[in-house]
Amino acid sequence: MEVKSVTRYARISSIKARQVVRQIQGKNANEALDLLNFIPRKSAKLIAKTLKSAIANAENNHNLASTGLTVSSATVVDGPQFKRFRPASRGSAHPYRKRTAHITVILSPTTSN
């Protein structure tokens, strides 16, 4: 059984968010949450919010304890980009893109043998 949570259209570059997501893959859910609290990046807060939502989904919808959950997969994919222009010298304009990302966290119960 897998429990999933998705944050869509997060206002962060997917490249920046992937750097943080790599740190939590395969870890215990509570341990990953503690780790995210000490990473000083905007993406860490967005990923922590998604992880908390996945833990809440597991507890409320599937009757699983948060202590027995592992981050089996955490991915970040590109979302749509807002295309904007910034004024430049001599009446010209330079384009830039405001990027968005979709953050997905999948938790699975820890198997004990």
N, C-alpha and C. Protein backbone atom coordinates (compact mmCIF):
# COMPACT_ATOMS: atom_id res chain seq x y z
N MET A 1 0.84 -1.17 0.00
CA MET A 1 0.00 0.00 0.00
C MET A 1 0.89 1.24 0.00
N GLU A 2 0.53 2.20 -0.80
CA GLU A 2 1.27 3.44 -0.87
C GLU A 2 0.34 4.62 -0.59
N VAL A 3 0.86 5.61 0.08
CA VAL A 3 0.12 6.82 0.39
C VAL A 3 0.79 7.97 -0.34
N LYS A 4 -0.01 8.80 -0.99
CA LYS A 4 0.55 9.81 -1.88
C LYS A 4 0.00 11.19 -1.53
N SER A 5 0.86 12.19 -1.73
CA SER A 5 0.44 13.57 -1.58
C SER A 5 1.14 14.39 -2.66
N VAL A 6 0.39 15.33 -3.27
CA VAL A 6 0.92 16.12 -4.38
C VAL A 6 0.67 17.60 -4.12
N THR A 7 1.70 18.41 -4.31
CA THR A 7 1.56 19.86 -4.31
C THR A 7 1.78 20.31 -5.74
N ARG A 8 0.79 20.95 -6.31
CA ARG A 8 0.89 21.37 -7.71
C ARG A 8 1.08 22.88 -7.79
N TYR A 9 1.75 23.31 -8.83
CA TYR A 9 1.98 24.72 -9.13
C TYR A 9 2.71 25.45 -8.00
N ALA A 10 3.67 24.78 -7.38
CA ALA A 10 4.49 25.43 -6.35
C ALA A 10 5.42 26.43 -7.03
N ARG A 11 5.52 27.63 -6.49
CA ARG A 11 6.31 28.69 -7.13
C ARG A 11 7.78 28.56 -6.79
N ILE A 12 8.40 27.51 -7.33
CA ILE A 12 9.83 27.30 -7.18
C ILE A 12 10.33 26.56 -8.40
N SER A 13 11.56 26.75 -8.74
CA SER A 13 12.16 26.04 -9.85
C SER A 13 12.30 24.56 -9.48
N SER A 14 11.99 23.69 -10.42
CA SER A 14 12.07 22.26 -10.13
C SER A 14 13.50 21.82 -9.88
N ILE A 15 14.47 22.49 -10.47
CA ILE A 15 15.88 22.15 -10.26
C ILE A 15 16.26 22.41 -8.80
N LYS A 16 15.81 23.53 -8.25
CA LYS A 16 16.12 23.86 -6.86
C LYS A 16 15.43 22.91 -5.89
N ALA A 17 14.21 22.51 -6.22
CA ALA A 17 13.47 21.61 -5.34
C ALA A 17 14.05 20.19 -5.38
N ARG A 18 14.54 19.75 -6.53
CA ARG A 18 15.10 18.40 -6.64
C ARG A 18 16.33 18.22 -5.76
N GLN A 19 17.10 19.29 -5.57
CA GLN A 19 18.29 19.20 -4.72
C GLN A 19 17.91 18.82 -3.28
N VAL A 20 16.78 19.29 -2.81
CA VAL A 20 16.33 18.99 -1.45
C VAL A 20 15.64 17.63 -1.40
N VAL A 21 14.88 17.30 -2.44
CA VAL A 21 14.13 16.04 -2.46
C VAL A 21 15.07 14.83 -2.41
N ARG A 22 16.23 14.96 -3.03
CA ARG A 22 17.20 13.86 -3.02
C ARG A 22 17.65 13.50 -1.62
N GLN A 23 17.60 14.46 -0.69
CA GLN A 23 18.07 14.22 0.67
C GLN A 23 17.13 13.35 1.49
N ILE A 24 15.84 13.28 1.13
CA ILE A 24 14.88 12.58 1.98
C ILE A 24 14.45 11.22 1.44
N GLN A 25 14.84 10.87 0.23
CA GLN A 25 14.38 9.62 -0.35
C GLN A 25 14.95 8.43 0.42
N GLY A 26 14.07 7.49 0.75
CA GLY A 26 14.47 6.28 1.46
C GLY A 26 14.53 6.42 2.97
N LYS A 27 14.29 7.59 3.50
CA LYS A 27 14.37 7.80 4.95
C LYS A 27 13.00 7.58 5.61
N ASN A 28 13.04 7.39 6.90
CA ASN A 28 11.83 7.31 7.70
C ASN A 28 11.11 8.66 7.59
N ALA A 29 9.78 8.66 7.59
CA ALA A 29 9.01 9.89 7.36
C ALA A 29 9.29 10.94 8.44
N ASN A 30 9.32 10.54 9.70
CA ASN A 30 9.58 11.49 10.78
C ASN A 30 11.02 12.02 10.72
N GLU A 31 11.94 11.14 10.37
CA GLU A 31 13.34 11.54 10.24
C GLU A 31 13.51 12.53 9.08
N ALA A 32 12.80 12.28 7.98
CA ALA A 32 12.85 13.19 6.82
C ALA A 32 12.26 14.55 7.18
N LEU A 33 11.20 14.56 7.97
CA LEU A 33 10.58 15.81 8.39
C LEU A 33 11.54 16.62 9.27
N ASP A 34 12.24 15.94 10.19
CA ASP A 34 13.23 16.62 11.02
C ASP A 34 14.36 17.19 10.18
N LEU A 35 14.79 16.43 9.19
CA LEU A 35 15.87 16.88 8.30
C LEU A 35 15.44 18.12 7.52
N LEU A 36 14.21 18.13 7.02
CA LEU A 36 13.72 19.27 6.25
C LEU A 36 13.62 20.55 7.09
N ASN A 37 13.37 20.38 8.40
CA ASN A 37 13.27 21.55 9.26
C ASN A 37 14.59 22.29 9.40
N PHE A 38 15.73 21.60 9.14
CA PHE A 38 17.04 22.22 9.29
C PHE A 38 17.67 22.63 7.98
N ILE A 39 16.99 22.44 6.88
CA ILE A 39 17.52 22.87 5.58
C ILE A 39 17.01 24.28 5.31
N PRO A 40 17.90 25.26 5.18
CA PRO A 40 17.47 26.66 5.04
C PRO A 40 17.15 27.05 3.61
N ARG A 41 16.15 26.43 3.01
CA ARG A 41 15.75 26.74 1.65
C ARG A 41 14.23 26.83 1.58
N LYS A 42 13.75 27.61 0.62
CA LYS A 42 12.31 27.74 0.42
C LYS A 42 11.71 26.40 0.03
N SER A 43 12.42 25.64 -0.81
CA SER A 43 11.89 24.36 -1.27
C SER A 43 11.73 23.37 -0.13
N ALA A 44 12.56 23.47 0.91
CA ALA A 44 12.44 22.56 2.05
C ALA A 44 11.11 22.75 2.76
N LYS A 45 10.66 24.00 2.86
CA LYS A 45 9.36 24.26 3.51
C LYS A 45 8.22 23.70 2.68
N LEU A 46 8.29 23.85 1.34
CA LEU A 46 7.23 23.34 0.48
C LEU A 46 7.20 21.81 0.50
N ILE A 47 8.36 21.18 0.51
CA ILE A 47 8.42 19.71 0.55
C ILE A 47 7.96 19.20 1.90
N ALA A 48 8.31 19.90 2.98
CA ALA A 48 7.86 19.51 4.32
C ALA A 48 6.34 19.57 4.42
N LYS A 49 5.75 20.57 3.81
CA LYS A 49 4.29 20.70 3.82
C LYS A 49 3.64 19.53 3.08
N THR A 50 4.24 19.13 1.95
CA THR A 50 3.72 17.99 1.20
C THR A 50 3.90 16.70 1.99
N LEU A 51 5.04 16.55 2.66
CA LEU A 51 5.30 15.35 3.47
C LEU A 51 4.34 15.26 4.65
N LYS A 52 4.06 16.39 5.30
CA LYS A 52 3.09 16.39 6.40
C LYS A 52 1.71 15.98 5.90
N SER A 53 1.35 16.42 4.72
CA SER A 53 0.07 16.05 4.14
C SER A 53 0.01 14.55 3.85
N ALA A 54 1.11 13.99 3.37
CA ALA A 54 1.15 12.55 3.09
C ALA A 54 1.04 11.74 4.39
N ILE A 55 1.69 12.22 5.44
CA ILE A 55 1.61 11.53 6.75
C ILE A 55 0.18 11.60 7.28
N ALA A 56 -0.46 12.76 7.15
CA ALA A 56 -1.86 12.91 7.59
C ALA A 56 -2.78 12.01 6.78
N ASN A 57 -2.54 11.89 5.47
CA ASN A 57 -3.34 10.98 4.64
C ASN A 57 -3.19 9.54 5.11
N ALA A 58 -1.98 9.15 5.47
CA ALA A 58 -1.73 7.78 5.93
C ALA A 58 -2.45 7.50 7.25
N GLU A 59 -2.41 8.48 8.15
CA GLU A 59 -3.03 8.28 9.46
C GLU A 59 -4.55 8.29 9.38
N ASN A 60 -5.12 9.24 8.62
CA ASN A 60 -6.56 9.40 8.61
C ASN A 60 -7.28 8.49 7.62
N ASN A 61 -6.68 8.26 6.47
CA ASN A 61 -7.38 7.49 5.43
C ASN A 61 -7.04 6.01 5.44
N HIS A 62 -5.84 5.66 5.93
CA HIS A 62 -5.40 4.27 5.85
C HIS A 62 -5.06 3.65 7.20
N ASN A 63 -5.28 4.38 8.29
CA ASN A 63 -5.04 3.90 9.65
C ASN A 63 -3.63 3.36 9.85
N LEU A 64 -2.63 4.09 9.36
CA LEU A 64 -1.23 3.71 9.53
C LEU A 64 -0.58 4.64 10.55
N ALA A 65 0.37 4.11 11.32
CA ALA A 65 1.10 4.93 12.28
C ALA A 65 2.22 5.67 11.56
N SER A 66 2.45 6.91 11.97
CA SER A 66 3.48 7.71 11.29
C SER A 66 4.88 7.20 11.56
N THR A 67 5.07 6.44 12.63
CA THR A 67 6.40 5.93 12.95
C THR A 67 6.84 4.82 12.01
N GLY A 68 5.89 4.15 11.38
CA GLY A 68 6.23 3.04 10.50
C GLY A 68 6.19 3.38 9.02
N LEU A 69 6.36 4.64 8.67
CA LEU A 69 6.29 5.06 7.27
C LEU A 69 7.67 5.44 6.74
N THR A 70 7.91 5.10 5.48
CA THR A 70 9.16 5.43 4.81
C THR A 70 8.86 6.20 3.54
N VAL A 71 9.71 7.16 3.22
CA VAL A 71 9.56 7.91 1.97
C VAL A 71 10.08 7.02 0.85
N SER A 72 9.17 6.35 0.15
CA SER A 72 9.59 5.44 -0.91
C SER A 72 9.94 6.19 -2.18
N SER A 73 9.28 7.31 -2.42
CA SER A 73 9.55 8.09 -3.62
C SER A 73 9.19 9.55 -3.36
N ALA A 74 10.06 10.43 -3.83
CA ALA A 74 9.78 11.86 -3.77
C ALA A 74 10.30 12.45 -5.08
N THR A 75 9.39 13.03 -5.86
CA THR A 75 9.77 13.54 -7.16
C THR A 75 9.30 14.98 -7.34
N VAL A 76 9.99 15.68 -8.21
CA VAL A 76 9.61 17.04 -8.58
C VAL A 76 9.66 17.13 -10.09
N VAL A 77 8.54 17.53 -10.70
CA VAL A 77 8.50 17.70 -12.15
C VAL A 77 8.14 19.14 -12.48
N ASP A 78 8.50 19.55 -13.68
CA ASP A 78 8.23 20.92 -14.11
C ASP A 78 6.74 21.18 -14.22
N GLY A 79 6.34 22.37 -13.81
CA GLY A 79 4.98 22.83 -14.02
C GLY A 79 5.00 23.88 -15.13
N PRO A 80 3.91 24.56 -15.35
CA PRO A 80 3.90 25.60 -16.37
C PRO A 80 4.77 26.79 -15.96
N GLN A 81 5.23 27.54 -16.93
CA GLN A 81 6.07 28.70 -16.67
C GLN A 81 5.31 29.96 -17.03
N PHE A 82 5.44 30.97 -16.16
CA PHE A 82 4.88 32.28 -16.46
C PHE A 82 5.94 33.06 -17.24
N LYS A 83 5.59 33.52 -18.41
CA LYS A 83 6.55 34.26 -19.23
C LYS A 83 6.33 35.74 -19.03
N ARG A 84 7.38 36.42 -18.60
CA ARG A 84 7.32 37.85 -18.30
C ARG A 84 8.46 38.57 -19.02
N PHE A 85 8.38 39.90 -19.06
CA PHE A 85 9.42 40.70 -19.69
C PHE A 85 9.87 41.79 -18.74
N ARG A 86 11.16 42.07 -18.76
CA ARG A 86 11.74 43.11 -17.93
C ARG A 86 12.27 44.20 -18.85
N PRO A 87 11.99 45.48 -18.56
CA PRO A 87 12.51 46.54 -19.41
C PRO A 87 14.04 46.58 -19.40
N ALA A 88 14.60 46.84 -20.56
CA ALA A 88 16.04 46.95 -20.69
C ALA A 88 16.38 48.26 -21.38
N SER A 89 17.64 48.49 -21.57
CA SER A 89 18.08 49.77 -22.11
C SER A 89 17.65 49.94 -23.57
N ARG A 90 17.56 51.17 -23.97
CA ARG A 90 17.25 51.57 -25.35
C ARG A 90 15.88 51.06 -25.81
N GLY A 91 14.94 50.97 -24.90
CA GLY A 91 13.58 50.61 -25.26
C GLY A 91 13.35 49.15 -25.55
N SER A 92 14.30 48.31 -25.23
CA SER A 92 14.12 46.88 -25.48
C SER A 92 13.60 46.18 -24.23
N ALA A 93 13.30 44.90 -24.35
CA ALA A 93 12.79 44.12 -23.23
C ALA A 93 13.48 42.77 -23.22
N HIS A 94 13.83 42.31 -22.02
CA HIS A 94 14.45 41.00 -21.87
C HIS A 94 13.44 40.02 -21.25
N PRO A 95 13.25 38.85 -21.86
CA PRO A 95 12.30 37.89 -21.31
C PRO A 95 12.90 37.13 -20.13
N TYR A 96 12.04 36.73 -19.21
CA TYR A 96 12.44 35.81 -18.15
C TYR A 96 11.24 34.95 -17.81
N ARG A 97 11.49 33.81 -17.15
CA ARG A 97 10.43 32.86 -16.86
C ARG A 97 10.30 32.64 -15.36
N LYS A 98 9.07 32.68 -14.88
CA LYS A 98 8.79 32.35 -13.49
C LYS A 98 8.35 30.90 -13.49
N ARG A 99 9.20 30.04 -12.95
CA ARG A 99 8.97 28.61 -13.06
C ARG A 99 8.10 28.10 -11.91
N THR A 100 7.36 27.02 -12.19
CA THR A 100 6.58 26.33 -11.17
C THR A 100 6.96 24.86 -11.18
N ALA A 101 6.56 24.16 -10.13
CA ALA A 101 6.90 22.75 -10.01
C ALA A 101 5.75 21.99 -9.37
N HIS A 102 5.68 20.71 -9.67
CA HIS A 102 4.73 19.80 -9.03
C HIS A 102 5.54 18.85 -8.15
N ILE A 103 5.26 18.85 -6.84
CA ILE A 103 6.00 18.04 -5.87
C ILE A 103 5.13 16.85 -5.48
N THR A 104 5.67 15.63 -5.60
CA THR A 104 4.96 14.41 -5.25
C THR A 104 5.76 13.64 -4.21
N VAL A 105 5.10 13.26 -3.11
CA VAL A 105 5.74 12.44 -2.07
C VAL A 105 4.91 11.19 -1.89
N ILE A 106 5.56 10.01 -1.98
CA ILE A 106 4.88 8.73 -1.80
C ILE A 106 5.49 8.03 -0.60
N LEU A 107 4.64 7.67 0.35
CA LEU A 107 5.06 6.95 1.55
C LEU A 107 4.61 5.51 1.47
N SER A 108 5.39 4.62 2.04
CA SER A 108 5.00 3.21 2.13
C SER A 108 5.30 2.72 3.54
N PRO A 109 4.50 1.78 4.02
CA PRO A 109 4.76 1.25 5.37
C PRO A 109 6.08 0.46 5.38
N THR A 110 6.80 0.57 6.49
CA THR A 110 8.05 -0.15 6.64
C THR A 110 7.75 -1.62 6.87
N THR A 111 8.43 -2.47 6.12
CA THR A 111 8.23 -3.92 6.29
C THR A 111 9.24 -4.44 7.29
N SER A 112 8.77 -5.13 8.32
CA SER A 112 9.66 -5.71 9.32
C SER A 112 9.68 -7.21 9.17
N ASN A 113 10.89 -7.76 9.07
CA ASN A 113 11.05 -9.21 8.88
C ASN A 113 11.56 -9.85 10.13
